[in-house]
Amino acid sequence: NRTLRWALRCKDSMAEADRAMSIFGIVQG
């Protein structure tokens, strides 16, 4: 659950200028 909350924060921190950088979420469990 914490990793999922961190994933949302990572996504929210991506800026418009980061269009060239792809970001991956990580499945845990």
PDB file of all heavy atoms in Angstrom:
ATOM      1  N   ASN A   1       0.832  -1.213   0.000  1.00  0.00           N
ATOM      2  CA  ASN A   1       0.000   0.000   0.000  1.00  0.00           C
ATOM      3  C   ASN A   1       0.863   1.258   0.000  1.00  0.00           C
ATOM      4  O   ASN A   1       0.552   2.240  -0.690  1.00  0.00           O
ATOM      5  CB  ASN A   1      -0.924  -0.002   1.216  1.00  0.00           C
ATOM      6  CG  ASN A   1      -2.015  -1.061   1.118  1.00  0.00           C
ATOM      7  OD1 ASN A   1      -2.321  -1.541   0.026  1.00  0.00           O
ATOM      8  ND2 ASN A   1      -2.592  -1.430   2.247  1.00  0.00           N
ATOM      9  N   ARG A   2       1.953   1.234   0.766  1.00  0.00           N
ATOM     10  CA  ARG A   2       2.844   2.399   0.793  1.00  0.00           C
ATOM     11  C   ARG A   2       3.525   2.587  -0.564  1.00  0.00           C
ATOM     12  O   ARG A   2       3.648   3.709  -1.059  1.00  0.00           O
ATOM     13  CB  ARG A   2       3.888   2.232   1.891  1.00  0.00           C
ATOM     14  CG  ARG A   2       4.824   3.440   2.050  1.00  0.00           C
ATOM     15  CD  ARG A   2       5.709   3.308   3.276  1.00  0.00           C
ATOM     16  NE  ARG A   2       6.451   2.056   3.246  1.00  0.00           N
ATOM     17  CZ  ARG A   2       6.320   1.099   4.175  1.00  0.00           C
ATOM     18  NH1 ARG A   2       5.481   1.250   5.190  1.00  0.00           N
ATOM     19  NH2 ARG A   2       7.027  -0.010   4.084  1.00  0.00           N
ATOM     20  N   THR A   3       3.947   1.491  -1.186  1.00  0.00           N
ATOM     21  CA  THR A   3       4.554   1.583  -2.517  1.00  0.00           C
ATOM     22  C   THR A   3       3.578   2.180  -3.520  1.00  0.00           C
ATOM     23  O   THR A   3       3.972   2.973  -4.390  1.00  0.00           O
ATOM     24  CB  THR A   3       5.025   0.187  -2.974  1.00  0.00           C
ATOM     25  OG1 THR A   3       6.225  -0.156  -2.264  1.00  0.00           O
ATOM     26  CG2 THR A   3       5.331   0.151  -4.466  1.00  0.00           C
ATOM     27  N   LEU A   4       2.290   1.839  -3.409  1.00  0.00           N
ATOM     28  CA  LEU A   4       1.293   2.430  -4.301  1.00  0.00           C
ATOM     29  C   LEU A   4       1.147   3.927  -4.053  1.00  0.00           C
ATOM     30  O   LEU A   4       1.015   4.709  -5.003  1.00  0.00           O
ATOM     31  CB  LEU A   4      -0.049   1.719  -4.117  1.00  0.00           C
ATOM     32  CG  LEU A   4      -0.142   0.300  -4.700  1.00  0.00           C
ATOM     33  CD1 LEU A   4      -1.385  -0.414  -4.197  1.00  0.00           C
ATOM     34  CD2 LEU A   4      -0.134   0.356  -6.230  1.00  0.00           C
ATOM     35  N   ARG A   5       1.162   4.340  -2.785  1.00  0.00           N
ATOM     36  CA  ARG A   5       1.088   5.781  -2.490  1.00  0.00           C
ATOM     37  C   ARG A   5       2.332   6.490  -3.022  1.00  0.00           C
ATOM     38  O   ARG A   5       2.239   7.610  -3.546  1.00  0.00           O
ATOM     39  CB  ARG A   5       0.927   5.999  -0.979  1.00  0.00           C
ATOM     40  CG  ARG A   5      -0.411   5.505  -0.436  1.00  0.00           C
ATOM     41  CD  ARG A   5      -0.659   5.972   0.985  1.00  0.00           C
ATOM     42  NE  ARG A   5       0.276   5.377   1.949  1.00  0.00           N
ATOM     43  CZ  ARG A   5       0.073   4.234   2.592  1.00  0.00           C
ATOM     44  NH1 ARG A   5      -1.018   3.513   2.356  1.00  0.00           N
ATOM     45  NH2 ARG A   5       0.958   3.786   3.474  1.00  0.00           N
ATOM     46  N   TRP A   6       3.493   5.845  -2.886  1.00  0.00           N
ATOM     47  CA  TRP A   6       4.717   6.433  -3.426  1.00  0.00           C
ATOM     48  C   TRP A   6       4.647   6.532  -4.957  1.00  0.00           C
ATOM     49  O   TRP A   6       5.123   7.505  -5.549  1.00  0.00           O
ATOM     50  CB  TRP A   6       5.918   5.585  -3.029  1.00  0.00           C
ATOM     51  CG  TRP A   6       6.347   5.734  -1.600  1.00  0.00           C
ATOM     52  CD1 TRP A   6       5.836   6.576  -0.662  1.00  0.00           C
ATOM     53  CD2 TRP A   6       7.388   4.996  -0.935  1.00  0.00           C
ATOM     54  NE1 TRP A   6       6.476   6.423   0.539  1.00  0.00           N
ATOM     55  CE2 TRP A   6       7.438   5.460   0.396  1.00  0.00           C
ATOM     56  CE3 TRP A   6       8.261   3.995  -1.347  1.00  0.00           C
ATOM     57  CZ2 TRP A   6       8.361   4.952   1.316  1.00  0.00           C
ATOM     58  CZ3 TRP A   6       9.181   3.489  -0.433  1.00  0.00           C
ATOM     59  CH2 TRP A   6       9.220   3.966   0.883  1.00  0.00           C
ATOM     60  N   ALA A   7       4.050   5.528  -5.598  1.00  0.00           N
ATOM     61  CA  ALA A   7       3.933   5.548  -7.059  1.00  0.00           C
ATOM     62  C   ALA A   7       3.114   6.745  -7.523  1.00  0.00           C
ATOM     63  O   ALA A   7       3.454   7.416  -8.510  1.00  0.00           O
ATOM     64  CB  ALA A   7       3.298   4.251  -7.554  1.00  0.00           C
ATOM     65  N   LEU A   8       2.028   7.031  -6.809  1.00  0.00           N
ATOM     66  CA  LEU A   8       1.212   8.192  -7.157  1.00  0.00           C
ATOM     67  C   LEU A   8       2.005   9.482  -6.983  1.00  0.00           C
ATOM     68  O   LEU A   8       1.931  10.393  -7.823  1.00  0.00           O
ATOM     69  CB  LEU A   8      -0.048   8.217  -6.291  1.00  0.00           C
ATOM     70  CG  LEU A   8      -1.032   9.361  -6.559  1.00  0.00           C
ATOM     71  CD1 LEU A   8      -1.504   9.341  -8.005  1.00  0.00           C
ATOM     72  CD2 LEU A   8      -2.219   9.266  -5.604  1.00  0.00           C
ATOM     73  N   ARG A   9       2.813   9.553  -5.925  1.00  0.00           N
ATOM     74  CA  ARG A   9       3.643  10.746  -5.716  1.00  0.00           C
ATOM     75  C   ARG A   9       4.703  10.879  -6.809  1.00  0.00           C
ATOM     76  O   ARG A   9       4.998  11.985  -7.265  1.00  0.00           O
ATOM     77  CB  ARG A   9       4.293  10.693  -4.331  1.00  0.00           C
ATOM     78  CG  ARG A   9       3.309  10.944  -3.192  1.00  0.00           C
ATOM     79  CD  ARG A   9       3.903  10.574  -1.847  1.00  0.00           C
ATOM     80  NE  ARG A   9       5.124  11.308  -1.534  1.00  0.00           N
ATOM     81  CZ  ARG A   9       5.877  11.081  -0.462  1.00  0.00           C
ATOM     82  NH1 ARG A   9       5.519  10.125   0.405  1.00  0.00           N
ATOM     83  NH2 ARG A   9       6.962  11.785  -0.237  1.00  0.00           N
ATOM     84  N   CYS A  10       5.265   9.748  -7.229  1.00  0.00           N
ATOM     85  CA  CYS A  10       6.230   9.792  -8.333  1.00  0.00           C
ATOM     86  C   CYS A  10       5.570  10.306  -9.600  1.00  0.00           C
ATOM     87  O   CYS A  10       6.118  11.163 -10.307  1.00  0.00           O
ATOM     88  CB  CYS A  10       6.818   8.403  -8.579  1.00  0.00           C
ATOM     89  SG  CYS A  10       8.022   7.834  -7.359  1.00  0.00           S
ATOM     90  N   LYS A  11       4.394   9.800  -9.904  1.00  0.00           N
ATOM     91  CA  LYS A  11       3.667  10.244 -11.099  1.00  0.00           C
ATOM     92  C   LYS A  11       3.347  11.728 -11.013  1.00  0.00           C
ATOM     93  O   LYS A  11       3.526  12.472 -11.992  1.00  0.00           O
ATOM     94  CB  LYS A  11       2.378   9.429 -11.231  1.00  0.00           C
ATOM     95  CG  LYS A  11       1.457   9.859 -12.380  1.00  0.00           C
ATOM     96  CD  LYS A  11       2.028   9.480 -13.730  1.00  0.00           C
ATOM     97  CE  LYS A  11       1.097   9.885 -14.872  1.00  0.00           C
ATOM     98  NZ  LYS A  11      -0.170   9.121 -14.869  1.00  0.00           N
ATOM     99  N   ASP A  12       2.912  12.186  -9.847  1.00  0.00           N
ATOM    100  CA  ASP A  12       2.561  13.596  -9.678  1.00  0.00           C
ATOM    101  C   ASP A  12       3.778  14.510  -9.795  1.00  0.00           C
ATOM    102  O   ASP A  12       3.649  15.691 -10.126  1.00  0.00           O
ATOM    103  CB  ASP A  12       1.888  13.820  -8.322  1.00  0.00           C
ATOM    104  CG  ASP A  12       0.477  13.248  -8.272  1.00  0.00           C
ATOM    105  OD1 ASP A  12      -0.077  12.948  -9.342  1.00  0.00           O
ATOM    106  OD2 ASP A  12      -0.054  13.091  -7.148  1.00  0.00           O
ATOM    107  N   SER A  13       4.967  13.961  -9.515  1.00  0.00           N
ATOM    108  CA  SER A  13       6.180  14.799  -9.553  1.00  0.00           C
ATOM    109  C   SER A  13       6.746  14.941 -10.957  1.00  0.00           C
ATOM    110  O   SER A  13       7.670  15.718 -11.177  1.00  0.00           O
ATOM    111  CB  SER A  13       7.254  14.218  -8.636  1.00  0.00           C
ATOM    112  OG  SER A  13       7.796  13.023  -9.168  1.00  0.00           O
ATOM    113  N   MET A  14       6.214  14.191 -11.905  1.00  0.00           N
ATOM    114  CA  MET A  14       6.696  14.294 -13.280  1.00  0.00           C
ATOM    115  C   MET A  14       6.238  15.622 -13.879  1.00  0.00           C
ATOM    116  O   MET A  14       5.069  15.985 -13.802  1.00  0.00           O
ATOM    117  CB  MET A  14       6.166  13.129 -14.112  1.00  0.00           C
ATOM    118  CG  MET A  14       6.714  11.775 -13.688  1.00  0.00           C
ATOM    119  SD  MET A  14       8.453  11.553 -14.115  1.00  0.00           S
ATOM    120  CE  MET A  14       8.322  11.331 -15.888  1.00  0.00           C
ATOM    121  N   ALA A  15       7.186  16.321 -14.474  1.00  0.00           N
ATOM    122  CA  ALA A  15       6.897  17.623 -15.061  1.00  0.00           C
ATOM    123  C   ALA A  15       6.637  17.486 -16.552  1.00  0.00           C
ATOM    124  O   ALA A  15       6.955  16.470 -17.177  1.00  0.00           O
ATOM    125  CB  ALA A  15       8.071  18.571 -14.822  1.00  0.00           C
ATOM    126  N   GLU A  16       6.054  18.540 -17.146  1.00  0.00           N
ATOM    127  CA  GLU A  16       5.806  18.544 -18.577  1.00  0.00           C
ATOM    128  C   GLU A  16       7.101  18.366 -19.355  1.00  0.00           C
ATOM    129  O   GLU A  16       7.134  17.737 -20.413  1.00  0.00           O
ATOM    130  CB  GLU A  16       5.134  19.874 -18.978  1.00  0.00           C
ATOM    131  CG  GLU A  16       4.723  19.953 -20.439  1.00  0.00           C
ATOM    132  CD  GLU A  16       3.586  18.999 -20.795  1.00  0.00           C
ATOM    133  OE1 GLU A  16       2.867  18.571 -19.865  1.00  0.00           O
ATOM    134  OE2 GLU A  16       3.426  18.688 -21.982  1.00  0.00           O
ATOM    135  N   ALA A  17       8.192  18.876 -18.793  1.00  0.00           N
ATOM    136  CA  ALA A  17       9.489  18.780 -19.464  1.00  0.00           C
ATOM    137  C   ALA A  17      10.053  17.367 -19.457  1.00  0.00           C
ATOM    138  O   ALA A  17      11.060  17.089 -20.117  1.00  0.00           O
ATOM    139  CB  ALA A  17      10.485  19.734 -18.809  1.00  0.00           C
ATOM    140  N   ASP A  18       9.420  16.455 -18.695  1.00  0.00           N
ATOM    141  CA  ASP A  18       9.915  15.084 -18.594  1.00  0.00           C
ATOM    142  C   ASP A  18       9.351  14.174 -19.680  1.00  0.00           C
ATOM    143  O   ASP A  18       9.416  12.951 -19.558  1.00  0.00           O
ATOM    144  CB  ASP A  18       9.537  14.497 -17.223  1.00  0.00           C
ATOM    145  CG  ASP A  18      10.234  15.199 -16.084  1.00  0.00           C
ATOM    146  OD1 ASP A  18      11.343  15.704 -16.295  1.00  0.00           O
ATOM    147  OD2 ASP A  18       9.660  15.229 -14.988  1.00  0.00           O
ATOM    148  N   ARG A  19       8.817  14.745 -20.733  1.00  0.00           N
ATOM    149  CA  ARG A  19       8.134  13.950 -21.746  1.00  0.00           C
ATOM    150  C   ARG A  19       9.053  12.895 -22.363  1.00  0.00           C
ATOM    151  O   ARG A  19       8.601  11.837 -22.785  1.00  0.00           O
ATOM    152  CB  ARG A  19       7.597  14.878 -22.835  1.00  0.00           C
ATOM    153  CG  ARG A  19       6.595  14.242 -23.769  1.00  0.00           C
ATOM    154  CD  ARG A  19       5.971  15.281 -24.674  1.00  0.00           C
ATOM    155  NE  ARG A  19       5.256  16.290 -23.909  1.00  0.00           N
ATOM    156  CZ  ARG A  19       4.806  17.424 -24.430  1.00  0.00           C
ATOM    157  NH1 ARG A  19       5.006  17.702 -25.697  1.00  0.00           N
ATOM    158  NH2 ARG A  19       4.151  18.297 -23.675  1.00  0.00           N
ATOM    159  N   ALA A  20      10.347  13.173 -22.412  1.00  0.00           N
ATOM    160  CA  ALA A  20      11.288  12.225 -23.017  1.00  0.00           C
ATOM    161  C   ALA A  20      11.667  11.098 -22.072  1.00  0.00           C
ATOM    162  O   ALA A  20      12.321  10.146 -22.488  1.00  0.00           O
ATOM    163  CB  ALA A  20      12.547  12.959 -23.477  1.00  0.00           C
ATOM    164  N   MET A  21      11.293  11.188 -20.798  1.00  0.00           N
ATOM    165  CA  MET A  21      11.638  10.158 -19.818  1.00  0.00           C
ATOM    166  C   MET A  21      10.390   9.356 -19.473  1.00  0.00           C
ATOM    167  O   MET A  21       9.427   9.894 -18.941  1.00  0.00           O
ATOM    168  CB  MET A  21      12.225  10.799 -18.550  1.00  0.00           C
ATOM    169  CG  MET A  21      12.731   9.777 -17.536  1.00  0.00           C
ATOM    170  SD  MET A  21      13.608  10.535 -16.121  1.00  0.00           S
ATOM    171  CE  MET A  21      12.210  11.158 -15.150  1.00  0.00           C
ATOM    172  N   SER A  22      10.402   8.075 -19.765  1.00  0.00           N
ATOM    173  CA  SER A  22       9.277   7.210 -19.419  1.00  0.00           C
ATOM    174  C   SER A  22       9.421   6.745 -17.976  1.00  0.00           C
ATOM    175  O   SER A  22      10.530   6.484 -17.502  1.00  0.00           O
ATOM    176  CB  SER A  22       9.245   5.984 -20.339  1.00  0.00           C
ATOM    177  OG  SER A  22       9.018   6.365 -21.680  1.00  0.00           O
ATOM    178  N   ILE A  23       8.324   6.634 -17.273  1.00  0.00           N
ATOM    179  CA  ILE A  23       8.338   6.212 -15.873  1.00  0.00           C
ATOM    180  C   ILE A  23       7.550   4.913 -15.732  1.00  0.00           C
ATOM    181  O   ILE A  23       6.469   4.760 -16.318  1.00  0.00           O
ATOM    182  CB  ILE A  23       7.785   7.320 -14.941  1.00  0.00           C
ATOM    183  CG1 ILE A  23       7.870   6.881 -13.480  1.00  0.00           C
ATOM    184  CG2 ILE A  23       6.388   7.709 -15.324  1.00  0.00           C
ATOM    185  CD1 ILE A  23       7.539   7.985 -12.500  1.00  0.00           C
ATOM    186  N   PHE A  24       8.110   3.990 -14.958  1.00  0.00           N
ATOM    187  CA  PHE A  24       7.502   2.684 -14.729  1.00  0.00           C
ATOM    188  C   PHE A  24       7.012   2.587 -13.284  1.00  0.00           C
ATOM    189  O   PHE A  24       7.762   2.906 -12.352  1.00  0.00           O
ATOM    190  CB  PHE A  24       8.523   1.568 -14.952  1.00  0.00           C
ATOM    191  CG  PHE A  24       8.771   1.202 -16.390  1.00  0.00           C
ATOM    192  CD1 PHE A  24       9.121   2.162 -17.331  1.00  0.00           C
ATOM    193  CD2 PHE A  24       8.658  -0.115 -16.805  1.00  0.00           C
ATOM    194  CE1 PHE A  24       9.368   1.821 -18.647  1.00  0.00           C
ATOM    195  CE2 PHE A  24       8.895  -0.478 -18.132  1.00  0.00           C
ATOM    196  CZ  PHE A  24       9.246   0.497 -19.056  1.00  0.00           C
ATOM    197  N   GLY A  25       5.779   2.139 -13.105  1.00  0.00           N
ATOM    198  CA  GLY A  25       5.314   1.734 -11.792  1.00  0.00           C
ATOM    199  C   GLY A  25       5.780   0.311 -11.515  1.00  0.00           C
ATOM    200  O   GLY A  25       5.998  -0.474 -12.444  1.00  0.00           O
ATOM    201  N   ILE A  26       5.929  -0.033 -10.236  1.00  0.00           N
ATOM    202  CA  ILE A  26       6.479  -1.339  -9.871  1.00  0.00           C
ATOM    203  C   ILE A  26       5.463  -2.134  -9.054  1.00  0.00           C
ATOM    204  O   ILE A  26       5.037  -1.706  -7.979  1.00  0.00           O
ATOM    205  CB  ILE A  26       7.800  -1.192  -9.086  1.00  0.00           C
ATOM    206  CG1 ILE A  26       8.809  -0.386  -9.906  1.00  0.00           C
ATOM    207  CG2 ILE A  26       8.363  -2.568  -8.731  1.00  0.00           C
ATOM    208  CD1 ILE A  26      10.132  -0.141  -9.184  1.00  0.00           C
ATOM    209  N   VAL A  27       5.089  -3.298  -9.564  1.00  0.00           N
ATOM    210  CA  VAL A  27       4.161  -4.201  -8.882  1.00  0.00           C
ATOM    211  C   VAL A  27       4.885  -4.891  -7.730  1.00  0.00           C
ATOM    212  O   VAL A  27       5.936  -5.502  -7.917  1.00  0.00           O
ATOM    213  CB  VAL A  27       3.609  -5.260  -9.848  1.00  0.00           C
ATOM    214  CG1 VAL A  27       2.679  -6.224  -9.117  1.00  0.00           C
ATOM    215  CG2 VAL A  27       2.899  -4.600 -11.026  1.00  0.00           C
ATOM    216  N   GLN A  28       4.326  -4.784  -6.534  1.00  0.00           N
ATOM    217  CA  GLN A  28       4.839  -5.514  -5.382  1.00  0.00           C
ATOM    218  C   GLN A  28       3.729  -6.439  -4.865  1.00  0.00           C
ATOM    219  O   GLN A  28       2.799  -6.737  -5.580  1.00  0.00           O
ATOM    220  CB  GLN A  28       5.338  -4.542  -4.312  1.00  0.00           C
ATOM    221  CG  GLN A  28       6.643  -3.837  -4.682  1.00  0.00           C
ATOM    222  CD  GLN A  28       7.845  -4.767  -4.736  1.00  0.00           C
ATOM    223  OE1 GLN A  28       7.806  -5.896  -4.244  1.00  0.00           O
ATOM    224  NE2 GLN A  28       8.924  -4.292  -5.336  1.00  0.00           N
ATOM    225  N   GLY A  29       3.853  -6.901  -3.624  1.00  0.00           N
ATOM    226  CA  GLY A  29       2.840  -7.800  -3.080  1.00  0.00           C
ATOM    227  C   GLY A  29       3.396  -9.058  -2.471  1.00  0.00           C
ATOM    228  O   GLY A  29       2.624  -9.924  -2.028  1.00  0.00           O
TER     229      GLY A  29
END
